[in-house]
Amino acid sequence: MASLGDVLARAKAEGRGTMLAYLMAGSVDDSRLLAAVDALRDAGVSGLELGFPFSDPMAEGPVIQRAAADALDRGTHWTNLFSLMRQISPHLPCAVMTYLNPVLQRGVGQALRSIRDAGGSALILPDLPVEEVGPFRALRRSAGVDTVLLASPATSGDRMRRLSEASEGFLYVVSRYGVTGASPGASPGAASAPLSGLLDQASRWRPGLPRMVGFGISRPADVRRMRAAGADGIIVGSAFQELLSGGAAVRKIGRLGESLVAALE
């Protein structure tokens, strides 16, 4: 299986939009989560972000906060994450999304090697500042795991340069101020102009790096807005996790995935 970064870079070069889905490891029984992953793969998603729970998920809205709490209540451990990833990664490129504290507790080198050994190819840390990325980049060659950094509407031009140069695999561009989750009532064109400027900045510094946009995407109209603003792809988490945690039929998760993937073009 190609790495997530390679899959996204190839699609960007070919002008194809991509979608990553996010689900929280341990938030539900493994069999249900794996069935949802199968449905999303069949729907055409390009890769999966597998969340690892943390007690203070500062970037997350209520849906993923609850999912993290559920996972912690169920005693989710690194071994559970890697067990899921070993089953998913032969069929779909995988990244781990978590926070810096759990990684430091495990040890940066050990965490990256464990992700690699389980078949993962990227690590996303919302609270990792670009000033602290050095140890992760130093281990990239031996571990083979990309460290993905995040840019937001508050990112300055100079900081965007540093983020674009340091991020590996792709740049995660946050579409708005606030936390993850849908924005009921938001106008489909509301954020296009500022987002377009943000994406242009990233492309200026590193044209070949895929720019994936996340936060607040739950409808085909959201996808079309992000693509029109210049996003190479989108990331959807809360919309899928809400269905997963709420007991919705797996086929409903797949249908949502199909509608969002179709909107990419």
C-alpha atoms as a PDB file:
ATOM      1  CA  MET A   1       0.000   0.000   0.000  1.00  0.00           C
ATOM      2  CA  ALA A   2       1.347   3.431  -0.981  1.00  0.00           C
ATOM      3  CA  SER A   3       1.877   5.960   1.792  1.00  0.00           C
ATOM      4  CA  LEU A   4      -0.810   8.527   2.466  1.00  0.00           C
ATOM      5  CA  GLY A   5       1.493  11.322   1.333  1.00  0.00           C
ATOM      6  CA  ASP A   6       2.208   9.562  -1.965  1.00  0.00           C
ATOM      7  CA  VAL A   7      -1.501   8.943  -2.621  1.00  0.00           C
ATOM      8  CA  LEU A   8      -2.373  12.597  -2.022  1.00  0.00           C
ATOM      9  CA  ALA A   9       0.590  13.901  -4.035  1.00  0.00           C
ATOM     10  CA  ARG A  10      -0.326  11.705  -7.012  1.00  0.00           C
ATOM     11  CA  ALA A  11      -3.933  12.900  -6.934  1.00  0.00           C
ATOM     12  CA  LYS A  12      -2.814  16.531  -6.722  1.00  0.00           C
ATOM     13  CA  ALA A  13      -0.502  16.097  -9.702  1.00  0.00           C
ATOM     14  CA  GLU A  14      -3.386  14.606 -11.673  1.00  0.00           C
ATOM     15  CA  GLY A  15      -5.825  17.331 -10.620  1.00  0.00           C
ATOM     16  CA  ARG A  16      -8.074  14.977  -8.663  1.00  0.00           C
ATOM     17  CA  GLY A  17      -9.693  15.950  -5.379  1.00  0.00           C
ATOM     18  CA  THR A  18      -9.249  13.679  -2.365  1.00  0.00           C
ATOM     19  CA  MET A  19     -11.028  13.059   0.912  1.00  0.00           C
ATOM     20  CA  LEU A  20      -9.723  11.791   4.235  1.00  0.00           C
ATOM     21  CA  ALA A  21     -12.111  10.401   6.831  1.00  0.00           C
ATOM     22  CA  TYR A  22     -11.470  10.571  10.574  1.00  0.00           C
ATOM     23  CA  LEU A  23     -12.709   8.046  13.158  1.00  0.00           C
ATOM     24  CA  MET A  24     -11.755   7.698  16.831  1.00  0.00           C
ATOM     25  CA  ALA A  25     -10.104   4.398  17.771  1.00  0.00           C
ATOM     26  CA  GLY A  26     -11.800   2.742  20.732  1.00  0.00           C
ATOM     27  CA  SER A  27     -14.938   4.892  20.616  1.00  0.00           C
ATOM     28  CA  VAL A  28     -17.027   1.871  19.561  1.00  0.00           C
ATOM     29  CA  ASP A  29     -16.421  -1.856  19.201  1.00  0.00           C
ATOM     30  CA  ASP A  30     -13.628  -2.627  16.762  1.00  0.00           C
ATOM     31  CA  SER A  31     -15.927  -4.674  14.539  1.00  0.00           C
ATOM     32  CA  ARG A  32     -18.259  -1.707  14.048  1.00  0.00           C
ATOM     33  CA  LEU A  33     -15.417   0.711  13.375  1.00  0.00           C
ATOM     34  CA  LEU A  34     -13.853  -1.661  10.841  1.00  0.00           C
ATOM     35  CA  ALA A  35     -17.209  -2.066   9.082  1.00  0.00           C
ATOM     36  CA  ALA A  36     -17.474   1.742   8.856  1.00  0.00           C
ATOM     37  CA  VAL A  37     -13.950   1.917   7.403  1.00  0.00           C
ATOM     38  CA  ASP A  38     -14.921  -0.652   4.748  1.00  0.00           C
ATOM     39  CA  ALA A  39     -17.966   1.442   3.843  1.00  0.00           C
ATOM     40  CA  LEU A  40     -15.879   4.595   3.564  1.00  0.00           C
ATOM     41  CA  ARG A  41     -13.243   2.856   1.450  1.00  0.00           C
ATOM     42  CA  ASP A  42     -15.979   1.609  -0.893  1.00  0.00           C
ATOM     43  CA  ALA A  43     -17.338   5.164  -1.006  1.00  0.00           C
ATOM     44  CA  GLY A  44     -14.020   6.349  -2.442  1.00  0.00           C
ATOM     45  CA  VAL A  45     -12.173   8.017   0.434  1.00  0.00           C
ATOM     46  CA  SER A  46      -8.442   8.295  -0.173  1.00  0.00           C
ATOM     47  CA  GLY A  47      -7.267   7.591   3.363  1.00  0.00           C
ATOM     48  CA  LEU A  48      -8.145   7.353   7.023  1.00  0.00           C
ATOM     49  CA  GLU A  49      -7.131   9.400  10.039  1.00  0.00           C
ATOM     50  CA  LEU A  50      -7.388   7.140  13.062  1.00  0.00           C
ATOM     51  CA  GLY A  51      -7.775   9.191  16.216  1.00  0.00           C
ATOM     52  CA  PHE A  52      -6.065   8.263  19.480  1.00  0.00           C
ATOM     53  CA  PRO A  53      -7.868   9.627  22.546  1.00  0.00           C
ATOM     54  CA  PHE A  54      -6.503  12.324  24.811  1.00  0.00           C
ATOM     55  CA  SER A  55      -8.175  13.814  27.875  1.00  0.00           C
ATOM     56  CA  ASP A  56      -7.797  17.426  26.691  1.00  0.00           C
ATOM     57  CA  PRO A  57      -8.556  17.469  22.946  1.00  0.00           C
ATOM     58  CA  MET A  58      -8.349  21.238  22.563  1.00  0.00           C
ATOM     59  CA  ALA A  59      -9.035  21.378  18.826  1.00  0.00           C
ATOM     60  CA  GLU A  60     -12.124  19.176  18.969  1.00  0.00           C
ATOM     61  CA  GLY A  61     -15.806  20.016  19.099  1.00  0.00           C
ATOM     62  CA  PRO A  62     -18.412  18.117  21.141  1.00  0.00           C
ATOM     63  CA  VAL A  63     -18.720  15.076  18.862  1.00  0.00           C
ATOM     64  CA  ILE A  64     -15.048  14.133  18.914  1.00  0.00           C
ATOM     65  CA  GLN A  65     -14.669  15.186  22.556  1.00  0.00           C
ATOM     66  CA  ARG A  66     -17.372  12.652  23.447  1.00  0.00           C
ATOM     67  CA  ALA A  67     -15.756  10.027  21.237  1.00  0.00           C
ATOM     68  CA  ALA A  68     -12.416  10.580  22.996  1.00  0.00           C
ATOM     69  CA  ALA A  69     -14.095  10.293  26.408  1.00  0.00           C
ATOM     70  CA  ASP A  70     -15.847   7.087  25.328  1.00  0.00           C
ATOM     71  CA  ALA A  71     -12.546   5.655  24.099  1.00  0.00           C
ATOM     72  CA  LEU A  72     -10.795   6.496  27.364  1.00  0.00           C
ATOM     73  CA  ASP A  73     -13.680   4.991  29.362  1.00  0.00           C
ATOM     74  CA  ARG A  74     -13.231   1.808  27.336  1.00  0.00           C
ATOM     75  CA  GLY A  75      -9.548   1.696  28.303  1.00  0.00           C
ATOM     76  CA  THR A  76      -8.190   2.358  24.799  1.00  0.00           C
ATOM     77  CA  HIS A  77      -4.414   1.927  24.680  1.00  0.00           C
ATOM     78  CA  TRP A  78      -1.761   2.257  21.993  1.00  0.00           C
ATOM     79  CA  THR A  79      -2.014  -1.496  21.437  1.00  0.00           C
ATOM     80  CA  ASN A  80      -5.691  -1.091  20.481  1.00  0.00           C
ATOM     81  CA  LEU A  81      -4.823   1.673  18.017  1.00  0.00           C
ATOM     82  CA  PHE A  82      -2.110  -0.376  16.347  1.00  0.00           C
ATOM     83  CA  SER A  83      -4.281  -3.481  16.208  1.00  0.00           C
ATOM     84  CA  LEU A  84      -6.900  -1.526  14.254  1.00  0.00           C
ATOM     85  CA  MET A  85      -4.274   0.050  12.015  1.00  0.00           C
ATOM     86  CA  ARG A  86      -2.783  -3.325  11.098  1.00  0.00           C
ATOM     87  CA  GLN A  87      -6.205  -4.412   9.865  1.00  0.00           C
ATOM     88  CA  ILE A  88      -6.937  -1.188   7.981  1.00  0.00           C
ATOM     89  CA  SER A  89      -3.583  -0.199   6.468  1.00  0.00           C
ATOM     90  CA  PRO A  90      -3.341  -3.008   3.868  1.00  0.00           C
ATOM     91  CA  HIS A  91      -6.509  -1.612   2.294  1.00  0.00           C
ATOM     92  CA  LEU A  92      -6.427   2.142   2.956  1.00  0.00           C
ATOM     93  CA  PRO A  93      -3.546   4.551   3.701  1.00  0.00           C
ATOM     94  CA  CYS A  94      -3.593   5.543   7.379  1.00  0.00           C
ATOM     95  CA  ALA A  95      -2.513   8.411   9.608  1.00  0.00           C
ATOM     96  CA  VAL A  96      -2.715   8.756  13.376  1.00  0.00           C
ATOM     97  CA  MET A  97      -4.226  11.951  14.746  1.00  0.00           C
ATOM     98  CA  THR A  98      -3.658  12.662  18.420  1.00  0.00           C
ATOM     99  CA  TYR A  99      -1.983  15.224  20.695  1.00  0.00           C
ATOM    100  CA  LEU A 100       1.602  15.796  21.690  1.00  0.00           C
ATOM    101  CA  ASN A 101       1.330  14.578  25.290  1.00  0.00           C
ATOM    102  CA  PRO A 102       0.489  10.912  24.504  1.00  0.00           C
ATOM    103  CA  VAL A 103       3.317  10.798  21.951  1.00  0.00           C
ATOM    104  CA  LEU A 104       5.851  12.247  24.380  1.00  0.00           C
ATOM    105  CA  GLN A 105       4.721   9.789  27.052  1.00  0.00           C
ATOM    106  CA  ARG A 106       5.391   6.909  24.668  1.00  0.00           C
ATOM    107  CA  GLY A 107       8.566   8.492  23.273  1.00  0.00           C
ATOM    108  CA  VAL A 108       8.753  10.160  19.866  1.00  0.00           C
ATOM    109  CA  GLY A 109      10.944   7.496  18.295  1.00  0.00           C
ATOM    110  CA  GLN A 110       8.918   4.608  19.697  1.00  0.00           C
ATOM    111  CA  ALA A 111       5.635   6.203  18.627  1.00  0.00           C
ATOM    112  CA  LEU A 112       6.823   6.767  15.056  1.00  0.00           C
ATOM    113  CA  ARG A 113       8.279   3.273  14.735  1.00  0.00           C
ATOM    114  CA  SER A 114       5.106   1.724  16.120  1.00  0.00           C
ATOM    115  CA  ILE A 115       2.973   3.644  13.630  1.00  0.00           C
ATOM    116  CA  ARG A 116       5.251   2.469  10.815  1.00  0.00           C
ATOM    117  CA  ASP A 117       5.196  -1.147  11.982  1.00  0.00           C
ATOM    118  CA  ALA A 118       1.390  -1.084  12.067  1.00  0.00           C
ATOM    119  CA  GLY A 119       1.296   0.156   8.473  1.00  0.00           C
ATOM    120  CA  GLY A 120       0.650   3.842   9.132  1.00  0.00           C
ATOM    121  CA  SER A 121       2.500   6.566   7.243  1.00  0.00           C
ATOM    122  CA  ALA A 122       1.653   9.884   8.922  1.00  0.00           C
ATOM    123  CA  LEU A 123       1.175  11.499  12.336  1.00  0.00           C
ATOM    124  CA  ILE A 124      -0.979  14.604  12.853  1.00  0.00           C
ATOM    125  CA  LEU A 125      -0.536  16.616  16.060  1.00  0.00           C
ATOM    126  CA  PRO A 126      -2.747  19.726  16.313  1.00  0.00           C
ATOM    127  CA  ASP A 127      -0.747  21.107  19.249  1.00  0.00           C
ATOM    128  CA  LEU A 128       2.737  20.573  17.782  1.00  0.00           C
ATOM    129  CA  PRO A 129       4.245  24.002  17.020  1.00  0.00           C
ATOM    130  CA  VAL A 130       6.579  24.298  14.056  1.00  0.00           C
ATOM    131  CA  GLU A 131       9.344  25.330  16.468  1.00  0.00           C
ATOM    132  CA  GLU A 132       9.232  21.850  18.053  1.00  0.00           C
ATOM    133  CA  VAL A 133       9.043  19.699  14.919  1.00  0.00           C
ATOM    134  CA  GLY A 134      12.797  19.035  14.754  1.00  0.00           C
ATOM    135  CA  PRO A 135      12.884  15.676  16.623  1.00  0.00           C
ATOM    136  CA  PHE A 136      10.055  14.340  14.453  1.00  0.00           C
ATOM    137  CA  ARG A 137      11.724  15.365  11.205  1.00  0.00           C
ATOM    138  CA  ALA A 138      15.053  13.943  12.362  1.00  0.00           C
ATOM    139  CA  LEU A 139      13.453  10.523  12.735  1.00  0.00           C
ATOM    140  CA  ARG A 140      11.484  10.638   9.491  1.00  0.00           C
ATOM    141  CA  ARG A 141      14.059   8.795   7.391  1.00  0.00           C
ATOM    142  CA  SER A 142      14.446   5.890   9.808  1.00  0.00           C
ATOM    143  CA  ALA A 143      10.794   5.711  10.862  1.00  0.00           C
ATOM    144  CA  GLY A 144       9.214   6.449   7.485  1.00  0.00           C
ATOM    145  CA  VAL A 145       6.345   8.431   9.043  1.00  0.00           C
ATOM    146  CA  ASP A 146       5.396  11.946   7.918  1.00  0.00           C
ATOM    147  CA  THR A 147       4.660  14.612  10.527  1.00  0.00           C
ATOM    148  CA  VAL A 148       1.749  16.774   9.392  1.00  0.00           C
ATOM    149  CA  LEU A 149       1.456  20.348  10.668  1.00  0.00           C
ATOM    150  CA  LEU A 150      -1.605  22.584  10.834  1.00  0.00           C
ATOM    151  CA  ALA A 151      -2.196  26.092   9.518  1.00  0.00           C
ATOM    152  CA  SER A 152      -5.171  28.251  10.470  1.00  0.00           C
ATOM    153  CA  PRO A 153      -6.810  31.556   9.442  1.00  0.00           C
ATOM    154  CA  ALA A 154      -4.576  33.205  12.068  1.00  0.00           C
ATOM    155  CA  THR A 155      -1.359  31.988  10.410  1.00  0.00           C
ATOM    156  CA  SER A 156       0.886  34.836   9.279  1.00  0.00           C
ATOM    157  CA  GLY A 157       2.727  34.861   5.970  1.00  0.00           C
ATOM    158  CA  ASP A 158       6.107  34.076   7.537  1.00  0.00           C
ATOM    159  CA  ARG A 159       4.660  31.315   9.693  1.00  0.00           C
ATOM    160  CA  MET A 160       2.898  29.813   6.662  1.00  0.00           C
ATOM    161  CA  ARG A 161       6.286  29.618   4.974  1.00  0.00           C
ATOM    162  CA  ARG A 162       7.744  27.761   7.946  1.00  0.00           C
ATOM    163  CA  LEU A 163       4.754  25.416   8.215  1.00  0.00           C
ATOM    164  CA  SER A 164       4.767  24.642   4.499  1.00  0.00           C
ATOM    165  CA  GLU A 165       8.489  23.920   4.510  1.00  0.00           C
ATOM    166  CA  ALA A 166       8.332  21.714   7.631  1.00  0.00           C
ATOM    167  CA  SER A 167       5.120  19.744   7.061  1.00  0.00           C
ATOM    168  CA  GLU A 168       5.446  16.326   5.434  1.00  0.00           C
ATOM    169  CA  GLY A 169       2.895  14.381   3.414  1.00  0.00           C
ATOM    170  CA  PHE A 170       0.424  17.238   3.343  1.00  0.00           C
ATOM    171  CA  LEU A 171      -0.441  20.504   5.075  1.00  0.00           C
ATOM    172  CA  TYR A 172      -3.585  20.414   7.211  1.00  0.00           C
ATOM    173  CA  VAL A 173      -5.366  23.736   6.656  1.00  0.00           C
ATOM    174  CA  VAL A 174      -8.008  24.644   9.242  1.00  0.00           C
ATOM    175  CA  SER A 175     -10.899  26.283   7.403  1.00  0.00           C
ATOM    176  CA  ARG A 176     -12.103  28.606  10.184  1.00  0.00           C
ATOM    177  CA  TYR A 177     -11.612  29.794  13.738  1.00  0.00           C
ATOM    178  CA  GLY A 178     -12.994  27.399  16.345  1.00  0.00           C
ATOM    179  CA  VAL A 179     -13.107  23.647  16.802  1.00  0.00           C
ATOM    180  CA  THR A 180     -14.050  20.604  14.729  1.00  0.00           C
ATOM    181  CA  GLY A 181     -17.667  19.908  13.889  1.00  0.00           C
ATOM    182  CA  ALA A 182     -20.399  21.126  11.580  1.00  0.00           C
ATOM    183  CA  SER A 183     -21.501  24.764  11.443  1.00  0.00           C
ATOM    184  CA  PRO A 184     -25.300  24.754  11.084  1.00  0.00           C
ATOM    185  CA  GLY A 185     -26.565  27.731   9.148  1.00  0.00           C
ATOM    186  CA  ALA A 186     -23.193  28.724   7.707  1.00  0.00           C
ATOM    187  CA  SER A 187     -23.415  30.229   4.255  1.00  0.00           C
ATOM    188  CA  PRO A 188     -21.840  27.972   1.586  1.00  0.00           C
ATOM    189  CA  GLY A 189     -19.697  30.887   0.368  1.00  0.00           C
ATOM    190  CA  ALA A 190     -18.967  32.470   3.729  1.00  0.00           C
ATOM    191  CA  ALA A 191     -15.292  31.566   4.086  1.00  0.00           C
ATOM    192  CA  SER A 192     -14.211  31.174   0.460  1.00  0.00           C
ATOM    193  CA  ALA A 193     -12.245  34.438   0.155  1.00  0.00           C
ATOM    194  CA  PRO A 194     -10.090  34.174   3.322  1.00  0.00           C
ATOM    195  CA  LEU A 195      -9.576  30.460   2.807  1.00  0.00           C
ATOM    196  CA  SER A 196      -8.494  31.008  -0.775  1.00  0.00           C
ATOM    197  CA  GLY A 197      -5.856  33.491   0.395  1.00  0.00           C
ATOM    198  CA  LEU A 198      -4.598  31.049   3.002  1.00  0.00           C
ATOM    199  CA  LEU A 199      -4.307  28.252   0.444  1.00  0.00           C
ATOM    200  CA  ASP A 200      -2.567  30.560  -2.022  1.00  0.00           C
ATOM    201  CA  GLN A 201       0.039  31.396   0.609  1.00  0.00           C
ATOM    202  CA  ALA A 202       0.736  27.712   1.235  1.00  0.00           C
ATOM    203  CA  SER A 203       1.033  26.990  -2.473  1.00  0.00           C
ATOM    204  CA  ARG A 204       3.410  29.898  -2.978  1.00  0.00           C
ATOM    205  CA  TRP A 205       5.952  28.451  -0.576  1.00  0.00           C
ATOM    206  CA  ARG A 206       5.660  24.808  -1.571  1.00  0.00           C
ATOM    207  CA  PRO A 207       3.571  24.223  -4.702  1.00  0.00           C
ATOM    208  CA  GLY A 208       3.781  20.432  -4.701  1.00  0.00           C
ATOM    209  CA  LEU A 209       2.580  19.885  -1.125  1.00  0.00           C
ATOM    210  CA  PRO A 210      -1.092  18.789  -0.983  1.00  0.00           C
ATOM    211  CA  ARG A 211      -3.304  21.212   0.961  1.00  0.00           C
ATOM    212  CA  MET A 212      -6.045  19.334   2.810  1.00  0.00           C
ATOM    213  CA  VAL A 213      -8.783  21.422   4.420  1.00  0.00           C
ATOM    214  CA  GLY A 214     -10.678  20.343   7.518  1.00  0.00           C
ATOM    215  CA  PHE A 215     -13.024  21.616  10.267  1.00  0.00           C
ATOM    216  CA  GLY A 216     -16.721  22.240   9.666  1.00  0.00           C
ATOM    217  CA  ILE A 217     -17.180  20.076   6.572  1.00  0.00           C
ATOM    218  CA  SER A 218     -20.268  17.872   6.623  1.00  0.00           C
ATOM    219  CA  ARG A 219     -22.235  18.528   3.411  1.00  0.00           C
ATOM    220  CA  PRO A 220     -21.574  18.378  -0.332  1.00  0.00           C
ATOM    221  CA  ALA A 221     -21.973  22.179  -0.428  1.00  0.00           C
ATOM    222  CA  ASP A 222     -19.089  22.485   2.057  1.00  0.00           C
ATOM    223  CA  VAL A 223     -16.912  20.289  -0.132  1.00  0.00           C
ATOM    224  CA  ARG A 224     -17.647  22.308  -3.242  1.00  0.00           C
ATOM    225  CA  ARG A 225     -16.865  25.536  -1.375  1.00  0.00           C
ATOM    226  CA  MET A 226     -13.485  24.218  -0.192  1.00  0.00           C
ATOM    227  CA  ARG A 227     -12.564  22.985  -3.660  1.00  0.00           C
ATOM    228  CA  ALA A 228     -13.584  26.283  -5.225  1.00  0.00           C
ATOM    229  CA  ALA A 229     -11.291  28.044  -2.748  1.00  0.00           C
ATOM    230  CA  GLY A 230      -8.380  25.929  -3.991  1.00  0.00           C
ATOM    231  CA  ALA A 231      -8.231  22.969  -1.593  1.00  0.00           C
ATOM    232  CA  ASP A 232      -6.574  19.856  -2.992  1.00  0.00           C
ATOM    233  CA  GLY A 233      -8.737  17.739  -0.719  1.00  0.00           C
ATOM    234  CA  ILE A 234     -10.920  17.730   2.362  1.00  0.00           C
ATOM    235  CA  ILE A 235     -10.948  16.087   5.762  1.00  0.00           C
ATOM    236  CA  VAL A 236     -14.227  15.018   7.377  1.00  0.00           C
ATOM    237  CA  GLY A 237     -14.398  13.764  10.952  1.00  0.00           C
ATOM    238  CA  SER A 238     -17.294  14.831  13.166  1.00  0.00           C
ATOM    239  CA  ALA A 239     -19.981  14.038  10.568  1.00  0.00           C
ATOM    240  CA  PHE A 240     -18.794  10.425  10.319  1.00  0.00           C
ATOM    241  CA  GLN A 241     -18.000  10.034  14.007  1.00  0.00           C
ATOM    242  CA  GLU A 242     -21.457  11.272  15.018  1.00  0.00           C
ATOM    243  CA  LEU A 243     -23.083   8.563  12.912  1.00  0.00           C
ATOM    244  CA  LEU A 244     -20.635   5.931  14.192  1.00  0.00           C
ATOM    245  CA  SER A 245     -21.067   6.803  17.867  1.00  0.00           C
ATOM    246  CA  GLY A 246     -24.811   7.305  17.501  1.00  0.00           C
ATOM    247  CA  GLY A 247     -25.443   3.763  16.274  1.00  0.00           C
ATOM    248  CA  ALA A 248     -26.396   4.655  12.701  1.00  0.00           C
ATOM    249  CA  ALA A 249     -26.379   1.850  10.153  1.00  0.00           C
ATOM    250  CA  VAL A 250     -22.977   1.467   8.509  1.00  0.00           C
ATOM    251  CA  ARG A 251     -24.580   1.895   5.108  1.00  0.00           C
ATOM    252  CA  LYS A 252     -25.638   5.419   6.157  1.00  0.00           C
ATOM    253  CA  ILE A 253     -22.000   6.267   6.885  1.00  0.00           C
ATOM    254  CA  GLY A 254     -21.098   4.953   3.452  1.00  0.00           C
ATOM    255  CA  ARG A 255     -23.826   6.967   1.743  1.00  0.00           C
ATOM    256  CA  LEU A 256     -22.604  10.162   3.376  1.00  0.00           C
ATOM    257  CA  GLY A 257     -19.087   9.323   2.203  1.00  0.00           C
ATOM    258  CA  GLU A 258     -20.326   8.773  -1.346  1.00  0.00           C
ATOM    259  CA  SER A 259     -22.130  12.131  -1.437  1.00  0.00           C
ATOM    260  CA  LEU A 260     -19.050  14.003  -0.187  1.00  0.00           C
ATOM    261  CA  VAL A 261     -16.638  12.223  -2.524  1.00  0.00           C
ATOM    262  CA  ALA A 262     -18.943  12.932  -5.479  1.00  0.00           C
ATOM    263  CA  ALA A 263     -18.867  16.645  -4.603  1.00  0.00           C
ATOM    264  CA  LEU A 264     -15.070  16.759  -4.927  1.00  0.00           C
ATOM    265  CA  GLU A 265     -15.353  17.073  -8.688  1.00  0.00           C
END
